[in-house]
Amino acid sequence: SMGIHYGQVNACNIGNSDRLEYSVLGDTLNTAYRIASACKVTGKQFLASETVYENIKDFFTCIPAGKIALKNKKESIGLYTIIPGLVK
């Protein structure tokens, strides 16, 4: 399953001089993870947030998957399935 969300993230090196890893952190990443988890609830393999939809709707065919309450979020988020290969 895959969840896509759009927004700012913090990219940085985490660790110490013995073991340093490059990582991405932030609410956008957490939301994308929660959207991926929503795939199990909706039965879809691929979901995108309404934020992503607004940026790609003129280029790709998208089908609404409904509004879903995500864990640790105050408001429900609109989700969409992007139809692979169907470019407008």
PDB file of N, CA and C in Angstrom:
ATOM      1  N   SER A   1       0.831  -1.184   0.000  1.00  0.00           N
ATOM      2  CA  SER A   1       0.000   0.000   0.000  1.00  0.00           C
ATOM      3  C   SER A   1       0.880   1.254   0.000  1.00  0.00           C
ATOM      4  N   MET A   2       0.339   2.333  -0.559  1.00  0.00           N
ATOM      5  CA  MET A   2       1.104   3.569  -0.668  1.00  0.00           C
ATOM      6  C   MET A   2       0.191   4.758  -0.399  1.00  0.00           C
ATOM      7  N   GLY A   3       0.690   5.684   0.426  1.00  0.00           N
ATOM      8  CA  GLY A   3      -0.021   6.916   0.706  1.00  0.00           C
ATOM      9  C   GLY A   3       0.839   8.102   0.319  1.00  0.00           C
ATOM     10  N   ILE A   4       0.226   9.065  -0.361  1.00  0.00           N
ATOM     11  CA  ILE A   4       0.972  10.246  -0.796  1.00  0.00           C
ATOM     12  C   ILE A   4       0.302  11.495  -0.233  1.00  0.00           C
ATOM     13  N   HIS A   5       1.134  12.372   0.317  1.00  0.00           N
ATOM     14  CA  HIS A   5       0.669  13.646   0.837  1.00  0.00           C
ATOM     15  C   HIS A   5       1.682  14.699   0.412  1.00  0.00           C
ATOM     16  N   TYR A   6       1.284  15.948   0.388  1.00  0.00           N
ATOM     17  CA  TYR A   6       2.137  17.036  -0.079  1.00  0.00           C
ATOM     18  C   TYR A   6       2.308  18.066   1.022  1.00  0.00           C
ATOM     19  N   GLY A   7       3.546  18.505   1.248  1.00  0.00           N
ATOM     20  CA  GLY A   7       3.815  19.542   2.233  1.00  0.00           C
ATOM     21  C   GLY A   7       5.288  19.592   2.575  1.00  0.00           C
ATOM     22  N   GLN A   8       5.609  20.397   3.552  1.00  0.00           N
ATOM     23  CA  GLN A   8       7.003  20.564   3.951  1.00  0.00           C
ATOM     24  C   GLN A   8       7.429  19.453   4.907  1.00  0.00           C
ATOM     25  N   VAL A   9       8.705  19.076   4.799  1.00  0.00           N
ATOM     26  CA  VAL A   9       9.321  18.111   5.707  1.00  0.00           C
ATOM     27  C   VAL A   9      10.677  18.648   6.125  1.00  0.00           C
ATOM     28  N   ASN A  10      11.225  18.080   7.170  1.00  0.00           N
ATOM     29  CA  ASN A  10      12.576  18.403   7.592  1.00  0.00           C
ATOM     30  C   ASN A  10      13.471  17.239   7.201  1.00  0.00           C
ATOM     31  N   ALA A  11      14.481  17.518   6.414  1.00  0.00           N
ATOM     32  CA  ALA A  11      15.446  16.501   6.016  1.00  0.00           C
ATOM     33  C   ALA A  11      16.754  16.795   6.741  1.00  0.00           C
ATOM     34  N   CYS A  12      17.305  15.753   7.393  1.00  0.00           N
ATOM     35  CA  CYS A  12      18.509  15.987   8.181  1.00  0.00           C
ATOM     36  C   CYS A  12      19.245  14.684   8.454  1.00  0.00           C
ATOM     37  N   ASN A  13      20.466  14.825   8.920  1.00  0.00           N
ATOM     38  CA  ASN A  13      21.246  13.684   9.383  1.00  0.00           C
ATOM     39  C   ASN A  13      20.935  13.466  10.850  1.00  0.00           C
ATOM     40  N   ILE A  14      20.683  12.216  11.221  1.00  0.00           N
ATOM     41  CA  ILE A  14      20.368  11.866  12.596  1.00  0.00           C
ATOM     42  C   ILE A  14      21.371  10.820  13.073  1.00  0.00           C
ATOM     43  N   GLY A  15      21.838  10.980  14.285  1.00  0.00           N
ATOM     44  CA  GLY A  15      22.749  10.012  14.868  1.00  0.00           C
ATOM     45  C   GLY A  15      23.984  10.674  15.420  1.00  0.00           C
ATOM     46  N   ASN A  16      25.059   9.908  15.455  1.00  0.00           N
ATOM     47  CA  ASN A  16      26.325  10.443  15.942  1.00  0.00           C
ATOM     48  C   ASN A  16      27.437  10.091  14.956  1.00  0.00           C
ATOM     49  N   SER A  17      28.648  10.394  15.294  1.00  0.00           N
ATOM     50  CA  SER A  17      29.758  10.187  14.358  1.00  0.00           C
ATOM     51  C   SER A  17      29.985   8.717  14.027  1.00  0.00           C
ATOM     52  N   ASP A  18      29.551   7.800  14.902  1.00  0.00           N
ATOM     53  CA  ASP A  18      29.703   6.368  14.629  1.00  0.00           C
ATOM     54  C   ASP A  18      28.643   5.836  13.669  1.00  0.00           C
ATOM     55  N   ARG A  19      27.458   6.390  13.759  1.00  0.00           N
ATOM     56  CA  ARG A  19      26.367   5.935  12.888  1.00  0.00           C
ATOM     57  C   ARG A  19      25.470   7.127  12.574  1.00  0.00           C
ATOM     58  N   LEU A  20      25.564   7.601  11.361  1.00  0.00           N
ATOM     59  CA  LEU A  20      24.816   8.764  10.916  1.00  0.00           C
ATOM     60  C   LEU A  20      23.865   8.337   9.798  1.00  0.00           C
ATOM     61  N   GLU A  21      22.586   8.688   9.910  1.00  0.00           N
ATOM     62  CA  GLU A  21      21.592   8.334   8.902  1.00  0.00           C
ATOM     63  C   GLU A  21      20.873   9.590   8.435  1.00  0.00           C
ATOM     64  N   TYR A  22      20.604   9.641   7.149  1.00  0.00           N
ATOM     65  CA  TYR A  22      19.832  10.732   6.571  1.00  0.00           C
ATOM     66  C   TYR A  22      18.368  10.369   6.714  1.00  0.00           C
ATOM     67  N   SER A  23      17.549  11.287   7.193  1.00  0.00           N
ATOM     68  CA  SER A  23      16.148  10.981   7.440  1.00  0.00           C
ATOM     69  C   SER A  23      15.261  12.170   7.101  1.00  0.00           C
ATOM     70  N   VAL A  24      13.985  11.905   6.988  1.00  0.00           N
ATOM     71  CA  VAL A  24      12.980  12.927   6.741  1.00  0.00           C
ATOM     72  C   VAL A  24      11.969  12.853   7.878  1.00  0.00           C
ATOM     73  N   LEU A  25      11.618  14.012   8.438  1.00  0.00           N
ATOM     74  CA  LEU A  25      10.710  14.079   9.582  1.00  0.00           C
ATOM     75  C   LEU A  25       9.641  15.134   9.344  1.00  0.00           C
ATOM     76  N   GLY A  26       8.514  14.991  10.024  1.00  0.00           N
ATOM     77  CA  GLY A  26       7.512  16.042   9.992  1.00  0.00           C
ATOM     78  C   GLY A  26       6.096  15.533   9.833  1.00  0.00           C
ATOM     79  N   ASP A  27       5.143  16.442   9.996  1.00  0.00           N
ATOM     80  CA  ASP A  27       3.731  16.104   9.931  1.00  0.00           C
ATOM     81  C   ASP A  27       3.326  15.579   8.550  1.00  0.00           C
ATOM     82  N   THR A  28       3.939  16.112   7.504  1.00  0.00           N
ATOM     83  CA  THR A  28       3.614  15.651   6.139  1.00  0.00           C
ATOM     84  C   THR A  28       3.937  14.172   5.989  1.00  0.00           C
ATOM     85  N   LEU A  29       5.085  13.765   6.495  1.00  0.00           N
ATOM     86  CA  LEU A  29       5.483  12.360   6.426  1.00  0.00           C
ATOM     87  C   LEU A  29       4.543  11.495   7.265  1.00  0.00           C
ATOM     88  N   ASN A  30       4.203  11.964   8.457  1.00  0.00           N
ATOM     89  CA  ASN A  30       3.285  11.217   9.311  1.00  0.00           C
ATOM     90  C   ASN A  30       1.916  11.056   8.653  1.00  0.00           C
ATOM     91  N   THR A  31       1.438  12.112   8.003  1.00  0.00           N
ATOM     92  CA  THR A  31       0.151  12.049   7.317  1.00  0.00           C
ATOM     93  C   THR A  31       0.200  11.050   6.167  1.00  0.00           C
ATOM     94  N   ALA A  32       1.277  11.051   5.395  1.00  0.00           N
ATOM     95  CA  ALA A  32       1.427  10.082   4.299  1.00  0.00           C
ATOM     96  C   ALA A  32       1.407   8.654   4.839  1.00  0.00           C
ATOM     97  N   TYR A  33       2.053   8.442   5.974  1.00  0.00           N
ATOM     98  CA  TYR A  33       2.064   7.114   6.605  1.00  0.00           C
ATOM     99  C   TYR A  33       0.651   6.717   7.020  1.00  0.00           C
ATOM    100  N   ARG A  34      -0.091   7.646   7.598  1.00  0.00           N
ATOM    101  CA  ARG A  34      -1.468   7.365   8.020  1.00  0.00           C
ATOM    102  C   ARG A  34      -2.366   7.087   6.806  1.00  0.00           C
ATOM    103  N   ILE A  35      -2.124   7.796   5.706  1.00  0.00           N
ATOM    104  CA  ILE A  35      -2.892   7.545   4.478  1.00  0.00           C
ATOM    105  C   ILE A  35      -2.601   6.142   3.963  1.00  0.00           C
ATOM    106  N   ALA A  36      -1.343   5.734   4.008  1.00  0.00           N
ATOM    107  CA  ALA A  36      -0.988   4.367   3.587  1.00  0.00           C
ATOM    108  C   ALA A  36      -1.711   3.343   4.456  1.00  0.00           C
ATOM    109  N   SER A  37      -1.826   3.621   5.751  1.00  0.00           N
ATOM    110  CA  SER A  37      -2.560   2.717   6.649  1.00  0.00           C
ATOM    111  C   SER A  37      -4.042   2.664   6.295  1.00  0.00           C
ATOM    112  N   ALA A  38      -4.577   3.765   5.777  1.00  0.00           N
ATOM    113  CA  ALA A  38      -5.992   3.819   5.388  1.00  0.00           C
ATOM    114  C   ALA A  38      -6.278   2.932   4.179  1.00  0.00           C
ATOM    115  N   CYS A  39      -5.257   2.544   3.459  1.00  0.00           N
ATOM    116  CA  CYS A  39      -5.456   1.647   2.314  1.00  0.00           C
ATOM    117  C   CYS A  39      -6.125   0.348   2.753  1.00  0.00           C
ATOM    118  N   LYS A  40      -5.790  -0.130   3.945  1.00  0.00           N
ATOM    119  CA  LYS A  40      -6.390  -1.363   4.458  1.00  0.00           C
ATOM    120  C   LYS A  40      -7.882  -1.182   4.685  1.00  0.00           C
ATOM    121  N   VAL A  41      -8.276  -0.012   5.179  1.00  0.00           N
ATOM    122  CA  VAL A  41      -9.680   0.270   5.467  1.00  0.00           C
ATOM    123  C   VAL A  41     -10.484   0.401   4.176  1.00  0.00           C
ATOM    124  N   THR A  42      -9.907   1.057   3.175  1.00  0.00           N
ATOM    125  CA  THR A  42     -10.619   1.313   1.927  1.00  0.00           C
ATOM    126  C   THR A  42     -10.491   0.182   0.910  1.00  0.00           C
ATOM    127  N   GLY A  43      -9.520  -0.698   1.111  1.00  0.00           N
ATOM    128  CA  GLY A  43      -9.287  -1.775   0.148  1.00  0.00           C
ATOM    129  C   GLY A  43      -8.542  -1.313  -1.094  1.00  0.00           C
ATOM    130  N   LYS A  44      -7.990  -0.117  -1.044  1.00  0.00           N
ATOM    131  CA  LYS A  44      -7.223   0.435  -2.170  1.00  0.00           C
ATOM    132  C   LYS A  44      -5.742   0.222  -1.919  1.00  0.00           C
ATOM    133  N   GLN A  45      -4.969   0.077  -2.993  1.00  0.00           N
ATOM    134  CA  GLN A  45      -3.529  -0.095  -2.851  1.00  0.00           C
ATOM    135  C   GLN A  45      -2.791   1.232  -2.859  1.00  0.00           C
ATOM    136  N   PHE A  46      -3.454   2.276  -3.327  1.00  0.00           N
ATOM    137  CA  PHE A  46      -2.791   3.556  -3.544  1.00  0.00           C
ATOM    138  C   PHE A  46      -3.766   4.677  -3.234  1.00  0.00           C
ATOM    139  N   LEU A  47      -3.429   5.552  -2.287  1.00  0.00           N
ATOM    140  CA  LEU A  47      -4.290   6.682  -1.948  1.00  0.00           C
ATOM    141  C   LEU A  47      -3.467   7.958  -1.869  1.00  0.00           C
ATOM    142  N   ALA A  48      -4.099   9.058  -2.255  1.00  0.00           N
ATOM    143  CA  ALA A  48      -3.457  10.374  -2.179  1.00  0.00           C
ATOM    144  C   ALA A  48      -4.386  11.314  -1.417  1.00  0.00           C
ATOM    145  N   SER A  49      -3.789  12.284  -0.754  1.00  0.00           N
ATOM    146  CA  SER A  49      -4.571  13.264   0.012  1.00  0.00           C
ATOM    147  C   SER A  49      -5.244  14.255  -0.929  1.00  0.00           C
ATOM    148  N   GLU A  50      -6.178  15.004  -0.358  1.00  0.00           N
ATOM    149  CA  GLU A  50      -6.852  16.050  -1.120  1.00  0.00           C
ATOM    150  C   GLU A  50      -5.860  17.125  -1.573  1.00  0.00           C
ATOM    151  N   THR A  51      -4.825  17.354  -0.773  1.00  0.00           N
ATOM    152  CA  THR A  51      -3.780  18.313  -1.138  1.00  0.00           C
ATOM    153  C   THR A  51      -3.070  17.883  -2.421  1.00  0.00           C
ATOM    154  N   VAL A  52      -2.755  16.606  -2.524  1.00  0.00           N
ATOM    155  CA  VAL A  52      -2.127  16.080  -3.745  1.00  0.00           C
ATOM    156  C   VAL A  52      -3.113  16.184  -4.907  1.00  0.00           C
ATOM    157  N   TYR A  53      -4.350  15.772  -4.659  1.00  0.00           N
ATOM    158  CA  TYR A  53      -5.384  15.827  -5.690  1.00  0.00           C
ATOM    159  C   TYR A  53      -5.506  17.223  -6.297  1.00  0.00           C
ATOM    160  N   GLU A  54      -5.535  18.238  -5.457  1.00  0.00           N
ATOM    161  CA  GLU A  54      -5.672  19.614  -5.951  1.00  0.00           C
ATOM    162  C   GLU A  54      -4.510  20.005  -6.877  1.00  0.00           C
ATOM    163  N   ASN A  55      -3.349  19.426  -6.679  1.00  0.00           N
ATOM    164  CA  ASN A  55      -2.177  19.744  -7.504  1.00  0.00           C
ATOM    165  C   ASN A  55      -2.090  18.922  -8.791  1.00  0.00           C
ATOM    166  N   ILE A  56      -2.801  17.790  -8.864  1.00  0.00           N
ATOM    167  CA  ILE A  56      -2.657  16.915 -10.041  1.00  0.00           C
ATOM    168  C   ILE A  56      -3.959  16.681 -10.796  1.00  0.00           C
ATOM    169  N   LYS A  57      -5.076  17.197 -10.299  1.00  0.00           N
ATOM    170  CA  LYS A  57      -6.392  16.877 -10.872  1.00  0.00           C
ATOM    171  C   LYS A  57      -6.534  17.246 -12.347  1.00  0.00           C
ATOM    172  N   ASP A  58      -5.780  18.217 -12.822  1.00  0.00           N
ATOM    173  CA  ASP A  58      -5.864  18.604 -14.228  1.00  0.00           C
ATOM    174  C   ASP A  58      -5.041  17.695 -15.132  1.00  0.00           C
ATOM    175  N   PHE A  59      -4.246  16.816 -14.530  1.00  0.00           N
ATOM    176  CA  PHE A  59      -3.331  15.987 -15.308  1.00  0.00           C
ATOM    177  C   PHE A  59      -3.614  14.489 -15.213  1.00  0.00           C
ATOM    178  N   PHE A  60      -4.219  14.048 -14.105  1.00  0.00           N
ATOM    179  CA  PHE A  60      -4.471  12.628 -13.898  1.00  0.00           C
ATOM    180  C   PHE A  60      -5.927  12.393 -13.537  1.00  0.00           C
ATOM    181  N   THR A  61      -6.423  11.217 -13.875  1.00  0.00           N
ATOM    182  CA  THR A  61      -7.772  10.834 -13.508  1.00  0.00           C
ATOM    183  C   THR A  61      -7.755  10.331 -12.067  1.00  0.00           C
ATOM    184  N   CYS A  62      -8.583  10.936 -11.224  1.00  0.00           N
ATOM    185  CA  CYS A  62      -8.644  10.588  -9.805  1.00  0.00           C
ATOM    186  C   CYS A  62     -10.085  10.286  -9.411  1.00  0.00           C
ATOM    187  N   ILE A  63     -10.242   9.322  -8.546  1.00  0.00           N
ATOM    188  CA  ILE A  63     -11.562   8.941  -8.061  1.00  0.00           C
ATOM    189  C   ILE A  63     -11.607   9.168  -6.556  1.00  0.00           C
ATOM    190  N   PRO A  64     -12.621   9.884  -6.061  1.00  0.00           N
ATOM    191  CA  PRO A  64     -12.727  10.094  -4.612  1.00  0.00           C
ATOM    192  C   PRO A  64     -12.868   8.763  -3.873  1.00  0.00           C
ATOM    193  N   ALA A  65     -12.134   8.629  -2.769  1.00  0.00           N
ATOM    194  CA  ALA A  65     -12.206   7.427  -1.936  1.00  0.00           C
ATOM    195  C   ALA A  65     -12.887   7.739  -0.603  1.00  0.00           C
ATOM    196  N   GLY A  66     -13.391   8.957  -0.467  1.00  0.00           N
ATOM    197  CA  GLY A  66     -14.102   9.355   0.741  1.00  0.00           C
ATOM    198  C   GLY A  66     -13.232  10.108   1.726  1.00  0.00           C
ATOM    199  N   LYS A  67     -13.875  10.572   2.776  1.00  0.00           N
ATOM    200  CA  LYS A  67     -13.156  11.254   3.865  1.00  0.00           C
ATOM    201  C   LYS A  67     -12.936  10.240   4.969  1.00  0.00           C
ATOM    202  N   ILE A  68     -11.728  10.250   5.491  1.00  0.00           N
ATOM    203  CA  ILE A  68     -11.377   9.286   6.534  1.00  0.00           C
ATOM    204  C   ILE A  68     -10.704  10.022   7.684  1.00  0.00           C
ATOM    205  N   ALA A  69     -11.070   9.651   8.905  1.00  0.00           N
ATOM    206  CA  ALA A  69     -10.420  10.198  10.089  1.00  0.00           C
ATOM    207  C   ALA A  69      -9.098   9.463  10.278  1.00  0.00           C
ATOM    208  N   LEU A  70      -8.015  10.211  10.272  1.00  0.00           N
ATOM    209  CA  LEU A  70      -6.698   9.613  10.466  1.00  0.00           C
ATOM    210  C   LEU A  70      -6.288   9.744  11.924  1.00  0.00           C
ATOM    211  N   LYS A  71      -5.556   8.775  12.408  1.00  0.00           N
ATOM    212  CA  LYS A  71      -5.088   8.772  13.791  1.00  0.00           C
ATOM    213  C   LYS A  71      -4.296  10.045  14.090  1.00  0.00           C
ATOM    214  N   ASN A  72      -4.566  10.629  15.237  1.00  0.00           N
ATOM    215  CA  ASN A  72      -3.893  11.845  15.716  1.00  0.00           C
ATOM    216  C   ASN A  72      -4.180  13.088  14.877  1.00  0.00           C
ATOM    217  N   LYS A  73      -5.258  13.081  14.107  1.00  0.00           N
ATOM    218  CA  LYS A  73      -5.667  14.245  13.321  1.00  0.00           C
ATOM    219  C   LYS A  73      -7.029  14.712  13.798  1.00  0.00           C
ATOM    220  N   LYS A  74      -7.199  16.027  13.931  1.00  0.00           N
ATOM    221  CA  LYS A  74      -8.456  16.584  14.418  1.00  0.00           C
ATOM    222  C   LYS A  74      -9.571  16.474  13.384  1.00  0.00           C
ATOM    223  N   GLU A  75      -9.227  16.656  12.114  1.00  0.00           N
ATOM    224  CA  GLU A  75     -10.234  16.661  11.060  1.00  0.00           C
ATOM    225  C   GLU A  75     -10.021  15.486  10.109  1.00  0.00           C
ATOM    226  N   SER A  76     -11.111  15.036   9.508  1.00  0.00           N
ATOM    227  CA  SER A  76     -11.016  13.994   8.493  1.00  0.00           C
ATOM    228  C   SER A  76     -10.313  14.559   7.269  1.00  0.00           C
ATOM    229  N   ILE A  77      -9.727  13.693   6.492  1.00  0.00           N
ATOM    230  CA  ILE A  77      -8.999  14.112   5.303  1.00  0.00           C
ATOM    231  C   ILE A  77      -9.613  13.432   4.078  1.00  0.00           C
ATOM    232  N   GLY A  78      -9.778  14.201   3.003  1.00  0.00           N
ATOM    233  CA  GLY A  78     -10.299  13.655   1.760  1.00  0.00           C
ATOM    234  C   GLY A  78      -9.214  12.845   1.060  1.00  0.00           C
ATOM    235  N   LEU A  79      -9.568  11.638   0.629  1.00  0.00           N
ATOM    236  CA  LEU A  79      -8.618  10.762  -0.054  1.00  0.00           C
ATOM    237  C   LEU A  79      -9.086  10.448  -1.468  1.00  0.00           C
ATOM    238  N   TYR A  80      -8.115  10.216  -2.340  1.00  0.00           N
ATOM    239  CA  TYR A  80      -8.388   9.932  -3.746  1.00  0.00           C
ATOM    240  C   TYR A  80      -7.525   8.777  -4.227  1.00  0.00           C
ATOM    241  N   THR A  81      -8.082   8.017  -5.150  1.00  0.00           N
ATOM    242  CA  THR A  81      -7.322   6.992  -5.855  1.00  0.00           C
ATOM    243  C   THR A  81      -6.928   7.584  -7.205  1.00  0.00           C
ATOM    244  N   ILE A  82      -5.659   7.502  -7.525  1.00  0.00           N
ATOM    245  CA  ILE A  82      -5.174   7.981  -8.825  1.00  0.00           C
ATOM    246  C   ILE A  82      -5.133   6.780  -9.756  1.00  0.00           C
ATOM    247  N   ILE A  83      -5.798   6.902 -10.882  1.00  0.00           N
ATOM    248  CA  ILE A  83      -5.870   5.791 -11.824  1.00  0.00           C
ATOM    249  C   ILE A  83      -4.594   5.758 -12.668  1.00  0.00           C
ATOM    250  N   PRO A  84      -3.763   4.712 -12.504  1.00  0.00           N
ATOM    251  CA  PRO A  84      -2.507   4.645 -13.257  1.00  0.00           C
ATOM    252  C   PRO A  84      -2.760   4.585 -14.767  1.00  0.00           C
ATOM    253  N   GLY A  85      -1.981   5.305 -15.497  1.00  0.00           N
ATOM    254  CA  GLY A  85      -2.037   5.265 -16.947  1.00  0.00           C
ATOM    255  C   GLY A  85      -3.118   6.138 -17.564  1.00  0.00           C
ATOM    256  N   LEU A  86      -4.033   6.676 -16.773  1.00  0.00           N
ATOM    257  CA  LEU A  86      -5.089   7.518 -17.327  1.00  0.00           C
ATOM    258  C   LEU A  86      -4.709   8.984 -17.132  1.00  0.00           C
ATOM    259  N   VAL A  87      -3.989   9.497 -18.091  1.00  0.00           N
ATOM    260  CA  VAL A  87      -3.550  10.887 -18.062  1.00  0.00           C
ATOM    261  C   VAL A  87      -4.546  11.698 -18.863  1.00  0.00           C
ATOM    262  N   LYS A  88      -4.925  12.862 -18.361  1.00  0.00           N
ATOM    263  CA  LYS A  88      -5.897  13.723 -19.054  1.00  0.00           C
ATOM    264  C   LYS A  88      -5.239  14.445 -20.203  1.00  0.00           C
TER     265      LYS A  88
END
